[in-house]
N, C-alpha and C. Protein backbone atom coordinates (compact mmCIF):
# COMPACT_ATOMS: atom_id res chain seq x y z
N UNK A 1 -6.02 4.25 8.74
CA UNK A 1 -5.64 3.74 7.44
C UNK A 1 -4.51 2.73 7.61
N UNK A 2 -4.60 1.63 6.89
CA UNK A 2 -3.55 0.62 6.93
C UNK A 2 -2.29 1.14 6.24
N UNK A 3 -1.16 0.67 6.72
CA UNK A 3 0.10 1.02 6.08
C UNK A 3 0.48 -0.10 5.14
N UNK A 4 0.76 0.23 3.87
CA UNK A 4 1.16 -0.82 2.95
C UNK A 4 2.55 -1.34 3.30
N UNK A 5 2.71 -2.62 3.21
CA UNK A 5 4.01 -3.24 3.47
C UNK A 5 4.24 -4.31 2.40
N UNK A 6 5.45 -4.33 1.89
CA UNK A 6 5.79 -5.25 0.81
C UNK A 6 7.10 -5.98 1.09
N UNK A 7 7.31 -6.51 2.29
CA UNK A 7 8.63 -7.09 2.59
C UNK A 7 9.00 -8.26 1.69
N UNK A 8 8.06 -9.14 1.42
CA UNK A 8 8.39 -10.31 0.59
C UNK A 8 8.62 -9.94 -0.86
N UNK A 9 7.79 -9.05 -1.37
CA UNK A 9 7.93 -8.62 -2.75
C UNK A 9 9.22 -7.84 -2.94
N UNK A 10 9.51 -6.91 -2.01
CA UNK A 10 10.75 -6.14 -2.12
C UNK A 10 11.97 -7.05 -2.02
N UNK A 11 11.93 -8.04 -1.14
CA UNK A 11 13.05 -8.97 -1.01
C UNK A 11 13.27 -9.71 -2.34
N UNK A 12 12.17 -10.15 -2.98
CA UNK A 12 12.30 -10.85 -4.26
C UNK A 12 12.80 -9.93 -5.36
N UNK A 13 12.28 -8.69 -5.40
CA UNK A 13 12.75 -7.74 -6.42
C UNK A 13 14.24 -7.45 -6.25
N UNK A 14 14.67 -7.28 -4.99
CA UNK A 14 16.09 -7.02 -4.74
C UNK A 14 16.96 -8.22 -5.14
N UNK A 15 16.45 -9.42 -4.89
CA UNK A 15 17.17 -10.63 -5.29
C UNK A 15 17.31 -10.68 -6.81
N UNK A 16 16.21 -10.44 -7.54
CA UNK A 16 16.27 -10.42 -9.00
C UNK A 16 17.22 -9.34 -9.49
N UNK A 17 17.21 -8.18 -8.82
CA UNK A 17 18.10 -7.09 -9.21
C UNK A 17 19.56 -7.53 -9.07
N UNK A 18 19.89 -8.19 -7.96
CA UNK A 18 21.26 -8.66 -7.76
C UNK A 18 21.66 -9.67 -8.83
N UNK A 19 20.74 -10.54 -9.22
CA UNK A 19 21.04 -11.50 -10.29
C UNK A 19 21.35 -10.77 -11.60
N UNK A 20 20.55 -9.74 -11.91
CA UNK A 20 20.77 -8.98 -13.13
C UNK A 20 22.10 -8.22 -13.05
N UNK A 21 22.42 -7.65 -11.89
CA UNK A 21 23.69 -6.93 -11.71
C UNK A 21 24.86 -7.89 -11.93
N UNK A 22 24.76 -9.10 -11.39
CA UNK A 22 25.83 -10.10 -11.60
C UNK A 22 25.98 -10.41 -13.08
N UNK A 23 24.85 -10.55 -13.78
CA UNK A 23 24.90 -10.81 -15.22
C UNK A 23 25.56 -9.64 -15.94
N UNK A 24 25.23 -8.42 -15.54
CA UNK A 24 25.81 -7.23 -16.18
C UNK A 24 27.31 -7.10 -15.92
N UNK A 25 27.79 -7.64 -14.81
CA UNK A 25 29.24 -7.62 -14.56
C UNK A 25 29.98 -8.48 -15.59
N UNK A 26 29.32 -9.56 -16.00
CA UNK A 26 29.94 -10.44 -16.99
C UNK A 26 29.67 -9.97 -18.42
N UNK A 27 28.49 -9.37 -18.64
CA UNK A 27 28.09 -8.93 -19.98
C UNK A 27 27.57 -7.49 -19.91
N UNK A 28 28.46 -6.52 -19.72
CA UNK A 28 28.04 -5.13 -19.49
C UNK A 28 27.28 -4.49 -20.65
N UNK A 29 27.41 -5.04 -21.85
CA UNK A 29 26.76 -4.44 -23.01
C UNK A 29 25.38 -5.05 -23.30
N UNK A 30 24.88 -5.87 -22.42
CA UNK A 30 23.60 -6.55 -22.65
C UNK A 30 22.44 -5.57 -22.44
N UNK A 31 21.82 -5.09 -23.52
CA UNK A 31 20.77 -4.08 -23.38
C UNK A 31 19.51 -4.62 -22.69
N UNK A 32 19.21 -5.88 -22.87
CA UNK A 32 18.01 -6.44 -22.23
C UNK A 32 18.21 -6.50 -20.72
N UNK A 33 19.39 -6.93 -20.28
CA UNK A 33 19.68 -6.99 -18.84
C UNK A 33 19.69 -5.59 -18.24
N UNK A 34 20.25 -4.63 -18.95
CA UNK A 34 20.27 -3.26 -18.45
C UNK A 34 18.84 -2.73 -18.31
N UNK A 35 18.00 -3.02 -19.28
CA UNK A 35 16.59 -2.61 -19.20
C UNK A 35 15.89 -3.23 -18.00
N UNK A 36 16.16 -4.52 -17.76
CA UNK A 36 15.57 -5.19 -16.58
C UNK A 36 16.04 -4.55 -15.29
N UNK A 37 17.33 -4.24 -15.21
CA UNK A 37 17.86 -3.62 -13.99
C UNK A 37 17.19 -2.27 -13.74
N UNK A 38 17.05 -1.46 -14.78
CA UNK A 38 16.41 -0.16 -14.62
C UNK A 38 14.95 -0.29 -14.20
N UNK A 39 14.24 -1.27 -14.76
CA UNK A 39 12.85 -1.52 -14.36
C UNK A 39 12.77 -1.96 -12.90
N UNK A 40 13.68 -2.84 -12.50
CA UNK A 40 13.69 -3.31 -11.10
C UNK A 40 14.03 -2.16 -10.16
N UNK A 41 14.99 -1.31 -10.53
CA UNK A 41 15.31 -0.14 -9.70
C UNK A 41 14.07 0.73 -9.50
N UNK A 42 13.34 0.97 -10.58
CA UNK A 42 12.14 1.81 -10.50
C UNK A 42 11.05 1.14 -9.67
N UNK A 43 10.84 -0.15 -9.86
CA UNK A 43 9.81 -0.86 -9.10
C UNK A 43 10.12 -0.85 -7.60
N UNK A 44 11.37 -1.06 -7.26
CA UNK A 44 11.78 -1.05 -5.86
C UNK A 44 11.56 0.33 -5.26
N UNK A 45 11.98 1.37 -5.96
CA UNK A 45 11.79 2.74 -5.45
C UNK A 45 10.30 3.06 -5.29
N UNK A 46 9.48 2.63 -6.24
CA UNK A 46 8.04 2.90 -6.16
C UNK A 46 7.42 2.23 -4.94
N UNK A 47 7.73 0.98 -4.71
CA UNK A 47 7.17 0.27 -3.55
C UNK A 47 7.69 0.85 -2.24
N UNK A 48 8.98 1.20 -2.20
CA UNK A 48 9.52 1.83 -0.98
C UNK A 48 8.83 3.17 -0.72
N UNK A 49 8.60 3.95 -1.77
CA UNK A 49 7.91 5.23 -1.64
C UNK A 49 6.49 5.03 -1.11
N UNK A 50 5.79 4.03 -1.64
CA UNK A 50 4.43 3.75 -1.18
C UNK A 50 4.43 3.35 0.29
N UNK A 51 5.39 2.54 0.71
CA UNK A 51 5.50 2.16 2.12
C UNK A 51 5.75 3.38 2.99
N UNK A 52 6.76 4.16 2.64
CA UNK A 52 7.16 5.31 3.45
C UNK A 52 6.06 6.37 3.52
N UNK A 53 5.34 6.56 2.41
CA UNK A 53 4.33 7.61 2.33
C UNK A 53 2.93 7.10 2.65
N UNK A 54 2.83 5.80 2.95
CA UNK A 54 1.54 5.17 3.26
C UNK A 54 0.53 5.35 2.14
N UNK A 55 0.98 5.14 0.94
CA UNK A 55 0.12 5.26 -0.23
C UNK A 55 -0.48 3.89 -0.54
N UNK A 56 -1.79 3.83 -0.42
CA UNK A 56 -2.52 2.60 -0.69
C UNK A 56 -3.13 2.67 -2.09
N UNK A 57 -3.34 1.53 -2.74
CA UNK A 57 -3.94 1.56 -4.08
C UNK A 57 -5.40 2.01 -4.08
N UNK A 58 -6.01 2.13 -2.90
CA UNK A 58 -7.39 2.60 -2.84
C UNK A 58 -7.48 4.13 -2.88
N UNK A 59 -6.34 4.81 -2.73
CA UNK A 59 -6.34 6.27 -2.81
C UNK A 59 -6.58 6.71 -4.25
N UNK A 60 -7.19 7.88 -4.38
CA UNK A 60 -7.40 8.47 -5.71
C UNK A 60 -6.47 9.67 -5.85
N UNK A 61 -5.83 9.77 -6.99
CA UNK A 61 -4.95 10.91 -7.27
C UNK A 61 -5.70 11.89 -8.16
N UNK A 62 -5.82 13.12 -7.67
CA UNK A 62 -6.51 14.17 -8.43
C UNK A 62 -5.50 15.24 -8.81
N UNK A 63 -5.28 15.48 -10.11
CA UNK A 63 -4.37 16.57 -10.49
C UNK A 63 -5.06 17.92 -10.25
N UNK A 64 -4.34 18.85 -9.66
CA UNK A 64 -4.90 20.18 -9.44
C UNK A 64 -5.03 20.88 -10.79
N UNK A 65 -6.19 21.48 -11.05
CA UNK A 65 -6.41 22.11 -12.36
C UNK A 65 -5.67 23.43 -12.48
N UNK A 66 -5.48 23.86 -13.70
CA UNK A 66 -4.87 25.16 -13.97
C UNK A 66 -5.98 26.18 -14.14
N UNK A 67 -6.04 27.19 -13.26
CA UNK A 67 -7.04 28.25 -13.47
C UNK A 67 -6.77 28.94 -14.81
N UNK A 68 -7.83 29.36 -15.47
CA UNK A 68 -7.69 29.98 -16.79
C UNK A 68 -7.12 31.39 -16.69
N UNK A 69 -6.24 31.71 -17.61
CA UNK A 69 -5.71 33.06 -17.79
C UNK A 69 -5.07 33.66 -16.55
N UNK A 70 -4.43 32.85 -15.73
CA UNK A 70 -3.76 33.39 -14.54
C UNK A 70 -2.63 32.47 -14.13
N UNK A 71 -1.73 33.01 -13.33
CA UNK A 71 -0.63 32.23 -12.77
C UNK A 71 -0.71 32.36 -11.25
N UNK A 72 -0.17 31.40 -10.53
CA UNK A 72 -0.16 31.48 -9.09
C UNK A 72 0.01 30.11 -8.47
N UNK A 73 -0.28 30.03 -7.20
CA UNK A 73 -0.13 28.79 -6.42
C UNK A 73 -1.43 28.53 -5.67
N UNK A 74 -1.61 27.28 -5.32
CA UNK A 74 -2.69 26.91 -4.40
C UNK A 74 -2.10 26.97 -2.99
N UNK A 75 -2.89 27.42 -2.04
CA UNK A 75 -2.48 27.44 -0.65
C UNK A 75 -3.46 26.58 0.13
N UNK A 76 -2.93 25.74 1.00
CA UNK A 76 -3.76 24.86 1.80
C UNK A 76 -4.05 25.53 3.13
N UNK A 77 -5.32 25.72 3.41
CA UNK A 77 -5.74 26.45 4.61
C UNK A 77 -6.58 25.54 5.51
N UNK A 78 -6.48 25.76 6.83
CA UNK A 78 -7.36 25.13 7.81
C UNK A 78 -8.38 26.18 8.19
N UNK A 79 -9.68 25.85 8.02
CA UNK A 79 -10.70 26.88 8.16
C UNK A 79 -11.37 26.95 9.53
N UNK A 80 -11.00 26.07 10.44
CA UNK A 80 -11.59 26.05 11.80
C UNK A 80 -13.12 26.06 11.77
N UNK A 81 -13.67 25.45 10.71
CA UNK A 81 -15.12 25.33 10.54
C UNK A 81 -15.83 26.68 10.59
N UNK A 82 -15.20 27.70 10.00
CA UNK A 82 -15.82 29.02 9.94
C UNK A 82 -15.62 29.60 8.54
N UNK A 83 -16.54 30.41 8.11
CA UNK A 83 -16.42 31.10 6.83
C UNK A 83 -15.62 32.40 6.98
N UNK A 84 -15.26 32.77 8.19
CA UNK A 84 -14.50 33.98 8.45
C UNK A 84 -13.04 33.72 8.08
N UNK A 85 -12.62 34.22 6.94
CA UNK A 85 -11.27 33.96 6.44
C UNK A 85 -10.18 34.54 7.35
N UNK A 86 -10.53 35.47 8.18
CA UNK A 86 -9.55 36.03 9.13
C UNK A 86 -9.11 34.97 10.15
N UNK A 87 -9.95 33.95 10.37
CA UNK A 87 -9.64 32.88 11.32
C UNK A 87 -8.86 31.74 10.67
N UNK A 88 -8.83 31.71 9.36
CA UNK A 88 -8.18 30.62 8.68
C UNK A 88 -6.67 30.68 8.89
N UNK A 89 -6.05 29.48 8.90
CA UNK A 89 -4.60 29.40 9.09
C UNK A 89 -4.00 28.56 7.98
N UNK A 90 -2.93 29.07 7.39
CA UNK A 90 -2.25 28.35 6.32
C UNK A 90 -1.46 27.18 6.89
N UNK A 91 -1.55 26.04 6.22
CA UNK A 91 -0.82 24.84 6.65
C UNK A 91 0.67 25.07 6.49
N UNK A 92 1.42 24.71 7.54
CA UNK A 92 2.89 24.78 7.50
C UNK A 92 3.42 23.42 7.90
N UNK A 93 4.45 23.00 7.21
CA UNK A 93 5.15 21.76 7.54
C UNK A 93 6.62 22.13 7.67
N UNK A 94 7.18 21.85 8.84
CA UNK A 94 8.57 22.23 9.09
C UNK A 94 8.76 23.73 9.05
N UNK A 95 7.74 24.45 9.43
CA UNK A 95 7.83 25.91 9.46
C UNK A 95 7.61 26.58 8.11
N UNK A 96 7.48 25.82 7.05
CA UNK A 96 7.30 26.37 5.71
C UNK A 96 5.86 26.16 5.25
N UNK A 97 5.27 27.16 4.57
CA UNK A 97 3.91 26.99 4.06
C UNK A 97 3.86 25.92 2.97
N UNK A 98 2.78 25.17 2.96
CA UNK A 98 2.57 24.15 1.93
C UNK A 98 1.91 24.83 0.74
N UNK A 99 2.55 24.77 -0.40
CA UNK A 99 2.04 25.38 -1.62
C UNK A 99 1.99 24.31 -2.71
N UNK A 100 1.07 24.47 -3.61
CA UNK A 100 0.94 23.54 -4.73
C UNK A 100 0.72 24.35 -6.00
N UNK A 101 1.07 23.75 -7.13
CA UNK A 101 0.86 24.39 -8.42
C UNK A 101 0.00 23.48 -9.29
N UNK A 102 -0.60 24.04 -10.35
CA UNK A 102 -1.40 23.21 -11.24
C UNK A 102 -0.60 22.00 -11.72
N UNK A 103 -1.25 20.85 -11.70
CA UNK A 103 -0.61 19.60 -12.09
C UNK A 103 -0.13 18.78 -10.92
N UNK A 104 0.08 19.41 -9.76
CA UNK A 104 0.44 18.65 -8.55
C UNK A 104 -0.72 17.70 -8.23
N UNK A 105 -0.41 16.59 -7.60
CA UNK A 105 -1.43 15.60 -7.30
C UNK A 105 -1.89 15.73 -5.85
N UNK A 106 -3.19 15.61 -5.67
CA UNK A 106 -3.80 15.57 -4.36
C UNK A 106 -4.29 14.15 -4.16
N UNK A 107 -3.83 13.47 -3.12
CA UNK A 107 -4.27 12.10 -2.84
C UNK A 107 -5.46 12.14 -1.90
N UNK A 108 -6.52 11.44 -2.28
CA UNK A 108 -7.74 11.41 -1.47
C UNK A 108 -8.05 9.99 -1.08
N UNK A 109 -8.58 9.85 0.13
CA UNK A 109 -8.97 8.53 0.61
C UNK A 109 -10.31 8.14 0.03
């Protein structure tokens, strides 16, 4: 999978952000400039997150459904290509089991 990279766009967004910050230093009560700064902060964080997490726009996000009339967590298991659940192993990252709850997003290629 390709890794998304946005060096030119991020550089331009950061430049625009600095221009807005300079404007806000002179006119701190300008609500339009403050709104632009907040939007630029969010856009920069979103693109950085996509770069770091290798999130491509071709991925599909699927929200995990809520099972009816019950509470609990989803557990991600590796099945070793067998139906024998005794052989299955729960996914761990950093020594901790990976758990998900209804509404969490699953990214699919």
